[in-house]
Amino acid sequence: MEIAPYITINPDIHHGAVVIMGTRVPVSIVIGSLAGGMNFEEVMQEYELTKEQVEAALAYAAELVAKINF
């Protein structure tokens, strides 16, 4: 099920983790890799993703953070 552009959840892929559509790459791995110091190009190469897919992972993460109420 597509939950955002390029982002999907499928119970048969990574136990229902949020992944980049058409891949088995979890959004959390993309965000974690960027946070760990990898740049866009390194993430794209390492996980065989497009720039649009990496940007979609960031946008999805930003959307989730924006919804957090303290």
C-alpha atoms as a PDB file:
ATOM      1  CA  MET A   1       0.000   0.000   0.000  1.00  0.00           C
ATOM      2  CA  GLU A   2       1.443   3.343  -1.050  1.00  0.00           C
ATOM      3  CA  ILE A   3       1.418   5.716   1.923  1.00  0.00           C
ATOM      4  CA  ALA A   4       3.358   8.582   0.330  1.00  0.00           C
ATOM      5  CA  PRO A   5       5.052   9.181  -3.027  1.00  0.00           C
ATOM      6  CA  TYR A   6       7.668   6.421  -3.518  1.00  0.00           C
ATOM      7  CA  ILE A   7       6.911   5.045  -0.020  1.00  0.00           C
ATOM      8  CA  THR A   8       5.003   1.847   0.681  1.00  0.00           C
ATOM      9  CA  ILE A   9       4.128  -0.703   3.340  1.00  0.00           C
ATOM     10  CA  ASN A  10       3.711  -4.365   2.487  1.00  0.00           C
ATOM     11  CA  PRO A  11       3.390  -7.015   5.211  1.00  0.00           C
ATOM     12  CA  ASP A  12       5.387  -9.400   3.010  1.00  0.00           C
ATOM     13  CA  ILE A  13       8.414  -7.074   2.793  1.00  0.00           C
ATOM     14  CA  HIS A  14      10.574  -6.593   5.889  1.00  0.00           C
ATOM     15  CA  HIS A  15       7.683  -7.605   8.147  1.00  0.00           C
ATOM     16  CA  GLY A  16       5.650  -4.577   7.095  1.00  0.00           C
ATOM     17  CA  ALA A  17       8.409  -1.981   7.494  1.00  0.00           C
ATOM     18  CA  VAL A  18       8.065   1.272   5.586  1.00  0.00           C
ATOM     19  CA  VAL A  19      10.171   0.846   2.426  1.00  0.00           C
ATOM     20  CA  ILE A  20      11.031   2.629  -0.790  1.00  0.00           C
ATOM     21  CA  MET A  21       8.499   1.501  -3.396  1.00  0.00           C
ATOM     22  CA  GLY A  22       9.811  -1.175  -5.748  1.00  0.00           C
ATOM     23  CA  THR A  23      12.667  -2.054  -3.392  1.00  0.00           C
ATOM     24  CA  ARG A  24      13.250  -3.808  -0.099  1.00  0.00           C
ATOM     25  CA  VAL A  25      15.111  -0.780   1.298  1.00  0.00           C
ATOM     26  CA  PRO A  26      13.558   0.522   4.532  1.00  0.00           C
ATOM     27  CA  VAL A  27      13.104   4.274   4.841  1.00  0.00           C
ATOM     28  CA  SER A  28      14.823   4.033   8.233  1.00  0.00           C
ATOM     29  CA  ILE A  29      17.996   2.733   6.558  1.00  0.00           C
ATOM     30  CA  VAL A  30      18.030   5.634   4.113  1.00  0.00           C
ATOM     31  CA  ILE A  31      17.517   8.214   6.875  1.00  0.00           C
ATOM     32  CA  GLY A  32      20.008   6.503   9.157  1.00  0.00           C
ATOM     33  CA  SER A  33      22.626   6.381   6.428  1.00  0.00           C
ATOM     34  CA  LEU A  34      22.247  10.095   5.743  1.00  0.00           C
ATOM     35  CA  ALA A  35      22.329  10.879   9.464  1.00  0.00           C
ATOM     36  CA  GLY A  36      25.449   8.734   9.780  1.00  0.00           C
ATOM     37  CA  GLY A  37      27.331  10.877   7.294  1.00  0.00           C
ATOM     38  CA  MET A  38      26.704   9.314   3.909  1.00  0.00           C
ATOM     39  CA  ASN A  39      25.846  11.831   1.211  1.00  0.00           C
ATOM     40  CA  PHE A  40      23.008  11.500  -1.312  1.00  0.00           C
ATOM     41  CA  GLU A  41      25.230   9.981  -3.975  1.00  0.00           C
ATOM     42  CA  GLU A  42      26.651   7.376  -1.587  1.00  0.00           C
ATOM     43  CA  VAL A  43      23.157   6.369  -0.432  1.00  0.00           C
ATOM     44  CA  MET A  44      21.939   6.206  -4.016  1.00  0.00           C
ATOM     45  CA  GLN A  45      24.849   3.987  -5.016  1.00  0.00           C
ATOM     46  CA  GLU A  46      24.810   1.775  -1.921  1.00  0.00           C
ATOM     47  CA  TYR A  47      21.078   0.994  -2.114  1.00  0.00           C
ATOM     48  CA  GLU A  48      20.539   1.448  -5.873  1.00  0.00           C
ATOM     49  CA  LEU A  49      18.075   4.302  -5.384  1.00  0.00           C
ATOM     50  CA  THR A  50      17.269   7.385  -7.411  1.00  0.00           C
ATOM     51  CA  LYS A  51      17.577  10.918  -6.104  1.00  0.00           C
ATOM     52  CA  GLU A  52      13.773  11.120  -6.063  1.00  0.00           C
ATOM     53  CA  GLN A  53      13.544   8.009  -3.868  1.00  0.00           C
ATOM     54  CA  VAL A  54      16.057   9.388  -1.344  1.00  0.00           C
ATOM     55  CA  GLU A  55      14.249  12.736  -1.297  1.00  0.00           C
ATOM     56  CA  ALA A  56      10.949  10.906  -0.770  1.00  0.00           C
ATOM     57  CA  ALA A  57      12.401   9.120   2.265  1.00  0.00           C
ATOM     58  CA  LEU A  58      13.460  12.470   3.729  1.00  0.00           C
ATOM     59  CA  ALA A  59      10.081  14.029   2.993  1.00  0.00           C
ATOM     60  CA  TYR A  60       8.279  11.114   4.637  1.00  0.00           C
ATOM     61  CA  ALA A  61      10.491  11.340   7.728  1.00  0.00           C
ATOM     62  CA  ALA A  62       9.904  15.104   7.914  1.00  0.00           C
ATOM     63  CA  GLU A  63       6.155  14.541   7.692  1.00  0.00           C
ATOM     64  CA  LEU A  64       6.278  12.072  10.582  1.00  0.00           C
ATOM     65  CA  VAL A  65       8.339  14.416  12.750  1.00  0.00           C
ATOM     66  CA  ALA A  66       5.949  17.278  12.037  1.00  0.00           C
ATOM     67  CA  LYS A  67       3.071  15.187  13.398  1.00  0.00           C
ATOM     68  CA  ILE A  68       4.699  14.591  16.787  1.00  0.00           C
ATOM     69  CA  ASN A  69       2.947  16.425  19.605  1.00  0.00           C
ATOM     70  CA  PHE A  70       4.796  17.094  22.827  1.00  0.00           C
END
